[in-house]
Amino acid sequence: MMKTITEYYSDPDFTVLKVPHWRANYYKFLSVSLWGAIPSNLQRRLSSWYSSLYDKPFSKRIIKPYIRLNYSDKDYLSKFKPPHGKKDFESFQDFFIREFKELPKYKSTHVWPCEGLLCEERKIKDLKLVKVKSDVRSVATVFGLNDSDIPENYTFTNVFLHNKNYHRIHAPVSGTITRIQHIPGDLLVLRPWIYKENPSLPAFRNERFNIDITDNTNKVWHLSIVGGPAVGTIELAHGVAVGKTVCKLQELSLFYLGSTCCMAAPTAPRYHRANTFVEMGTPY
C-alpha cells in the first residue's frame, strides 16, 4: 500500500496493481482499440444499463461485505450518510454516492477536490503530446482549451478514483465559476496502470465536464471531471453555474460509478507527488 503524509480520514488507499508491460498493453488494446471502437453513444447506453443494476434494492446487500473487504476502518460508514436526504442506503448506488456527515476541516486556502490515487503530477510545459485516434493533442485538450489558455508554469494533476473512493468532487478553492463545458466522448477504462506511457490518456478522449474557478487573486483553477465505463451519469451539484461564487469544499459534482478528476492549477501540490494517495479537503 502507498501512503500519504496525512492521517487518513476516509481510508482512500487501495492496492495498486503492478501490471507487466505486456499485460498493460493487452488491457490497453481491449480498452482503446476494441471498446474504444464502439460508438460513444452505444458505450454510454451500455454503461447506463450496467450502472442501473446498482440502483436495484437487492444491490444493498453488497454494501456490508464490500466494506469488510475494502476498508481497514470497521466504522468507515459512520462518517457518511445516505444521499438525497434518505434515511437509509437503499441500494449500492446510494453507498457509492454517499455524503460526508461532516467534511474534513483544514485551514489551507487550497485543498484537494477529491480523493484517490494521484497518478500524474507535472508542469504543463513538461507534458508530452498525446495521439488520440488520428489527432495529436496537448493537455489543454483535456480542459477543452487552447494551449495559450493555460500558462506553462501551471501544474497538471490527475487523481484516479477507485470504486472504493468517495465519489463527489468539491471546489479546491473559493472563487467564481467562470466556465462550464460538457464534452461528450468515449468511456475508456480509467485505471492508470494500463496506460504506462501516459496514465491520463482516457482524459483526452472520455466524456467530461470542465469547470473553471477564478480565485480571489484572479488565478484560474481548471478542473476536468472525467467519466469512464459504467458511469451512468456525471451530475453537477445544485447551484453550480457560470457566474456563481463557490466556497472552498463546496460540492461541484458527483459520479454514478467510475471517475477521474484532472486539474490545472496555478500552484504545485505542497505535500503530494505522483503515486501517492490524496484525500478530499486536505491541503493541496
Protein backbone atom coordinates (compact mmCIF):
# COMPACT_ATOMS: atom_id res chain seq x y z
CA MET A 1 0.00 0.00 0.00
CA MET A 2 1.12 3.54 -0.72
CA LYS A 3 0.59 6.20 1.94
CA THR A 4 0.50 9.98 2.05
CA ILE A 5 1.80 12.26 4.78
CA THR A 6 -1.71 12.82 6.12
CA GLU A 7 -3.52 10.68 8.63
CA TYR A 8 -6.36 9.11 6.70
CA TYR A 9 -9.82 10.36 7.47
CA SER A 10 -11.73 8.45 4.83
CA ASP A 11 -9.48 5.45 4.08
CA PRO A 12 -8.70 6.32 0.43
CA ASP A 13 -5.87 3.86 -0.25
CA PHE A 14 -6.21 0.71 -2.31
CA THR A 15 -3.95 -1.89 -3.89
CA VAL A 16 -2.24 -0.52 -6.99
CA LEU A 17 -1.63 -3.39 -9.37
CA LYS A 18 1.87 -3.88 -10.71
CA VAL A 19 0.96 -4.91 -14.23
CA PRO A 20 3.82 -6.07 -16.53
CA HIS A 21 4.15 -4.16 -19.80
CA TRP A 22 2.82 -6.97 -21.97
CA ARG A 23 -0.34 -7.27 -19.89
CA ALA A 24 -0.77 -3.49 -19.70
CA ASN A 25 -0.53 -3.32 -23.50
CA TYR A 26 -3.12 -6.08 -23.79
CA TYR A 27 -5.55 -4.25 -21.48
CA LYS A 28 -4.89 -1.01 -23.34
CA PHE A 29 -5.71 -2.78 -26.61
CA LEU A 30 -9.01 -4.01 -25.16
CA SER A 31 -9.88 -0.54 -23.85
CA VAL A 32 -8.70 1.68 -26.71
CA SER A 33 -8.82 -0.49 -29.82
CA LEU A 34 -11.84 -2.71 -29.09
CA TRP A 35 -14.11 -0.97 -26.57
CA GLY A 36 -12.93 2.41 -27.90
CA ALA A 37 -14.04 1.48 -31.41
CA ILE A 38 -17.67 1.16 -30.28
CA PRO A 39 -19.64 4.37 -30.97
CA SER A 40 -19.66 6.65 -27.93
CA ASN A 41 -23.45 6.78 -27.68
CA LEU A 42 -23.59 2.97 -27.54
CA GLN A 43 -20.86 2.94 -24.86
CA ARG A 44 -22.98 5.31 -22.79
CA ARG A 45 -26.14 3.22 -23.22
CA LEU A 46 -24.34 0.04 -22.21
CA SER A 47 -22.72 1.79 -19.24
CA SER A 48 -26.04 3.29 -18.16
CA TRP A 49 -27.69 -0.14 -18.30
CA TYR A 50 -24.87 -1.71 -16.26
CA SER A 51 -24.88 1.04 -13.64
CA SER A 52 -28.67 0.77 -13.29
CA LEU A 53 -28.19 -2.68 -11.74
CA TYR A 54 -26.65 -0.95 -8.71
CA ASP A 55 -29.85 1.09 -8.29
CA LYS A 56 -31.88 -2.05 -7.60
CA PRO A 57 -32.89 -2.73 -3.97
CA PHE A 58 -31.16 -6.15 -3.96
CA SER A 59 -27.79 -4.45 -4.50
CA LYS A 60 -27.77 -3.01 -0.96
CA ARG A 61 -26.80 -6.48 0.23
CA ILE A 62 -23.38 -5.87 -1.31
CA ILE A 63 -22.58 -2.89 0.93
CA LYS A 64 -21.55 -4.62 4.18
CA PRO A 65 -19.32 -7.30 2.58
CA TYR A 66 -17.83 -4.65 0.28
CA ILE A 67 -16.86 -2.54 3.30
CA ARG A 68 -15.36 -5.53 5.12
CA LEU A 69 -13.30 -6.37 2.03
CA ASN A 70 -12.08 -2.89 1.10
CA TYR A 71 -11.74 -0.78 4.26
CA SER A 72 -9.47 -1.17 7.26
CA ASP A 73 -11.72 1.07 9.36
CA LYS A 74 -14.56 -1.04 10.74
CA ASP A 75 -16.55 2.12 11.46
CA TYR A 76 -15.96 3.57 7.99
CA LEU A 77 -19.64 4.03 7.17
CA SER A 78 -20.24 6.01 10.37
CA LYS A 79 -18.56 9.03 8.73
CA PHE A 80 -21.16 9.12 5.96
CA LYS A 81 -24.88 9.46 5.40
CA PRO A 82 -27.20 8.29 2.60
CA PRO A 83 -27.59 10.72 -0.33
CA HIS A 84 -30.51 12.98 -1.20
CA GLY A 85 -31.81 13.15 2.36
CA LYS A 86 -32.60 9.44 2.55
CA LYS A 87 -32.71 7.73 5.94
CA ASP A 88 -31.06 4.53 4.75
CA PHE A 89 -28.80 3.25 1.99
CA GLU A 90 -31.43 1.71 -0.28
CA SER A 91 -29.00 0.40 -2.93
CA PHE A 92 -25.30 0.04 -3.61
CA GLN A 93 -25.51 3.18 -5.72
CA ASP A 94 -26.63 5.06 -2.61
CA PHE A 95 -23.44 3.88 -0.90
CA PHE A 96 -21.36 4.83 -3.92
CA ILE A 97 -22.62 8.44 -3.87
CA ARG A 98 -22.59 8.67 -0.06
CA GLU A 99 -22.23 12.07 1.57
CA PHE A 100 -19.93 13.05 4.43
CA LYS A 101 -21.76 13.80 7.65
CA GLU A 102 -19.05 16.36 8.30
CA LEU A 103 -16.44 17.46 5.78
CA PRO A 104 -12.75 17.32 6.73
CA LYS A 105 -11.57 20.66 8.17
CA TYR A 106 -8.22 22.19 7.21
CA LYS A 107 -7.20 25.86 7.26
CA SER A 108 -5.37 25.70 3.91
CA THR A 109 -6.80 28.02 1.23
CA HIS A 110 -6.13 25.37 -1.45
CA VAL A 111 -7.34 21.79 -0.99
CA TRP A 112 -7.72 18.60 -2.99
CA PRO A 113 -11.12 18.41 -4.69
CA CYS A 114 -11.44 14.63 -4.39
CA GLU A 115 -9.80 11.51 -3.01
CA GLY A 116 -7.90 8.78 -4.79
CA LEU A 117 -4.54 7.95 -6.37
CA LEU A 118 -2.54 10.89 -7.69
CA CYS A 119 -1.38 9.11 -10.81
CA GLU A 120 0.19 12.10 -12.59
CA GLU A 121 1.69 15.40 -11.40
CA ARG A 122 3.73 17.54 -13.79
CA LYS A 123 4.22 21.08 -15.02
CA ILE A 124 2.18 21.84 -18.13
CA LYS A 125 5.38 22.60 -20.07
CA ASP A 126 6.75 19.11 -19.31
CA LEU A 127 3.74 17.14 -20.55
CA LYS A 128 4.04 15.22 -23.79
CA LEU A 129 1.65 15.42 -26.72
CA VAL A 130 -0.82 12.53 -26.92
CA LYS A 131 -2.06 10.82 -30.07
CA VAL A 132 -5.83 10.36 -29.94
CA LYS A 133 -7.18 8.42 -32.91
CA SER A 134 -5.72 10.41 -35.84
CA ASP A 135 -5.07 13.64 -33.89
CA VAL A 136 -2.13 14.79 -31.78
CA ARG A 137 -3.35 16.71 -28.73
CA SER A 138 -1.85 18.73 -25.90
CA VAL A 139 -3.04 18.66 -22.29
CA ALA A 140 -5.17 21.76 -22.94
CA THR A 141 -7.47 19.43 -24.89
CA VAL A 142 -8.48 17.75 -21.64
CA PHE A 143 -9.93 21.05 -20.44
CA GLY A 144 -11.43 21.98 -23.82
CA LEU A 145 -8.99 24.88 -24.19
CA ASN A 146 -6.21 26.10 -26.47
CA ASP A 147 -2.56 25.84 -25.45
CA SER A 148 -2.34 29.58 -24.83
CA ASP A 149 -5.22 29.44 -22.31
CA ILE A 150 -3.18 27.59 -19.65
CA PRO A 151 0.19 29.04 -18.55
CA GLU A 152 3.15 26.69 -18.93
CA ASN A 153 4.07 27.06 -15.24
CA TYR A 154 0.70 25.64 -14.14
CA THR A 155 0.72 22.14 -12.66
CA PHE A 156 -1.36 19.32 -14.12
CA THR A 157 -2.65 16.63 -11.75
CA ASN A 158 -4.79 13.58 -12.35
CA VAL A 159 -6.48 11.77 -9.46
CA PHE A 160 -7.90 8.34 -10.22
CA LEU A 161 -10.94 7.47 -8.11
CA HIS A 162 -11.15 3.76 -7.38
CA ASN A 163 -14.57 2.19 -6.85
CA LYS A 164 -13.98 2.30 -3.08
CA ASN A 165 -13.27 6.04 -3.04
CA TYR A 166 -15.66 8.84 -2.16
CA HIS A 167 -17.12 9.97 -5.49
CA ARG A 168 -18.05 13.61 -5.04
CA ILE A 169 -15.92 16.45 -6.39
CA HIS A 170 -15.56 19.65 -4.34
CA ALA A 171 -14.18 23.11 -5.04
CA PRO A 172 -10.41 23.23 -4.37
CA VAL A 173 -10.54 26.97 -3.71
CA SER A 174 -13.05 29.75 -3.08
CA GLY A 175 -13.88 31.88 -6.09
CA THR A 176 -16.25 32.39 -9.00
CA ILE A 177 -17.23 29.82 -11.62
CA THR A 178 -16.19 31.39 -14.91
CA ARG A 179 -16.74 28.49 -17.32
CA ILE A 180 -18.63 25.20 -17.51
CA GLN A 181 -18.25 22.93 -20.51
CA HIS A 182 -19.61 19.47 -21.28
CA ILE A 183 -17.59 17.39 -23.75
CA PRO A 184 -19.31 14.20 -24.98
CA GLY A 185 -16.83 11.44 -25.66
CA ASP A 186 -15.81 7.85 -25.12
CA LEU A 187 -15.80 5.92 -21.85
CA LEU A 188 -12.42 4.19 -21.93
CA VAL A 189 -11.20 2.20 -18.94
CA LEU A 190 -9.67 4.66 -16.45
CA ARG A 191 -7.20 2.54 -14.49
CA PRO A 192 -3.88 4.37 -14.96
CA TRP A 193 -1.59 1.35 -14.63
CA ILE A 194 -2.69 0.03 -18.06
CA TYR A 195 -1.51 3.25 -19.74
CA LYS A 196 2.10 3.16 -18.64
CA GLU A 197 3.35 5.77 -21.13
CA ASN A 198 0.51 8.17 -20.35
CA PRO A 199 -1.74 7.41 -17.36
CA SER A 200 -4.01 10.34 -18.31
CA LEU A 201 -4.84 9.05 -21.81
CA PRO A 202 -8.58 8.49 -21.08
CA ALA A 203 -8.94 12.14 -20.01
CA PHE A 204 -8.13 13.18 -23.59
CA ARG A 205 -10.93 11.03 -25.04
CA ASN A 206 -13.61 10.43 -22.44
CA GLU A 207 -16.81 12.28 -21.67
CA ARG A 208 -16.17 15.07 -19.16
CA PHE A 209 -17.36 18.25 -17.53
CA ASN A 210 -14.85 21.09 -17.37
CA ILE A 211 -15.24 23.75 -14.68
CA ASP A 212 -13.09 26.85 -14.26
CA ILE A 213 -12.92 28.65 -10.91
CA THR A 214 -11.29 32.08 -10.74
CA ASP A 215 -9.97 32.68 -7.22
CA ASN A 216 -9.66 35.99 -5.33
CA THR A 217 -6.17 36.59 -6.78
CA ASN A 218 -7.63 36.33 -10.30
CA LYS A 219 -5.91 32.98 -10.95
CA VAL A 220 -7.95 30.33 -12.75
CA TRP A 221 -8.20 26.76 -11.48
CA HIS A 222 -9.20 24.38 -14.28
CA LEU A 223 -11.00 21.16 -13.33
CA SER A 224 -11.95 18.31 -15.64
CA ILE A 225 -14.35 15.73 -14.24
CA VAL A 226 -13.90 12.63 -16.39
CA GLY A 227 -16.24 9.65 -16.72
CA GLY A 228 -15.40 6.04 -17.51
CA PRO A 229 -17.10 2.71 -18.24
CA ALA A 230 -20.18 2.06 -16.09
CA VAL A 231 -20.64 5.79 -15.48
CA GLY A 232 -24.35 6.26 -15.85
CA THR A 233 -24.22 9.98 -15.09
CA ILE A 234 -21.88 12.82 -14.16
CA GLU A 235 -24.19 15.14 -12.25
CA LEU A 236 -23.44 18.76 -11.41
CA ALA A 237 -24.42 19.88 -7.92
CA HIS A 238 -27.36 22.21 -7.36
CA GLY A 239 -26.43 25.85 -7.91
CA VAL A 240 -23.26 25.16 -9.90
CA ALA A 241 -23.46 27.64 -12.77
CA VAL A 242 -21.33 30.22 -14.55
CA GLY A 243 -21.15 33.43 -12.54
CA LYS A 244 -21.92 31.76 -9.20
CA THR A 245 -19.50 32.10 -6.31
CA VAL A 246 -18.31 28.93 -4.60
CA CYS A 247 -16.65 28.39 -1.26
CA LYS A 248 -13.73 26.05 -0.72
CA LEU A 249 -15.06 22.49 -0.36
CA GLN A 250 -18.47 23.34 -1.82
CA GLU A 251 -19.71 20.34 -3.80
CA LEU A 252 -19.37 20.64 -7.58
CA SER A 253 -20.46 17.25 -8.91
CA LEU A 254 -20.85 13.54 -8.27
CA PHE A 255 -20.32 10.38 -10.29
CA TYR A 256 -22.66 7.44 -10.55
CA LEU A 257 -19.81 4.87 -10.74
CA GLY A 258 -16.25 5.37 -12.01
CA SER A 259 -14.27 8.58 -12.40
CA THR A 260 -11.09 10.62 -12.69
CA CYS A 261 -10.51 14.26 -11.78
CA CYS A 262 -7.86 16.31 -13.59
CA MET A 263 -6.79 19.79 -12.58
CA ALA A 264 -4.55 22.51 -13.99
CA ALA A 265 -3.62 24.74 -11.06
CA PRO A 266 -1.53 27.91 -10.67
CA THR A 267 0.49 26.28 -7.92
CA ALA A 268 2.03 22.84 -7.41
CA PRO A 269 0.94 20.43 -4.65
CA ARG A 270 2.95 21.05 -1.49
CA TYR A 271 2.74 17.63 0.12
CA HIS A 272 1.95 15.08 -2.59
CA ARG A 273 3.67 13.66 -5.64
CA ALA A 274 2.69 11.09 -8.25
CA ASN A 275 1.81 7.64 -6.90
CA THR A 276 0.60 8.84 -3.51
CA PHE A 277 -2.95 8.97 -2.22
CA VAL A 278 -4.78 12.22 -1.64
CA GLU A 279 -7.90 12.95 0.40
CA MET A 280 -10.64 15.38 -0.42
CA GLY A 281 -10.26 18.55 1.65
CA THR A 282 -6.64 18.00 2.70
CA PRO A 283 -4.09 20.75 1.90
CA TYR A 284 -3.19 20.83 -1.78
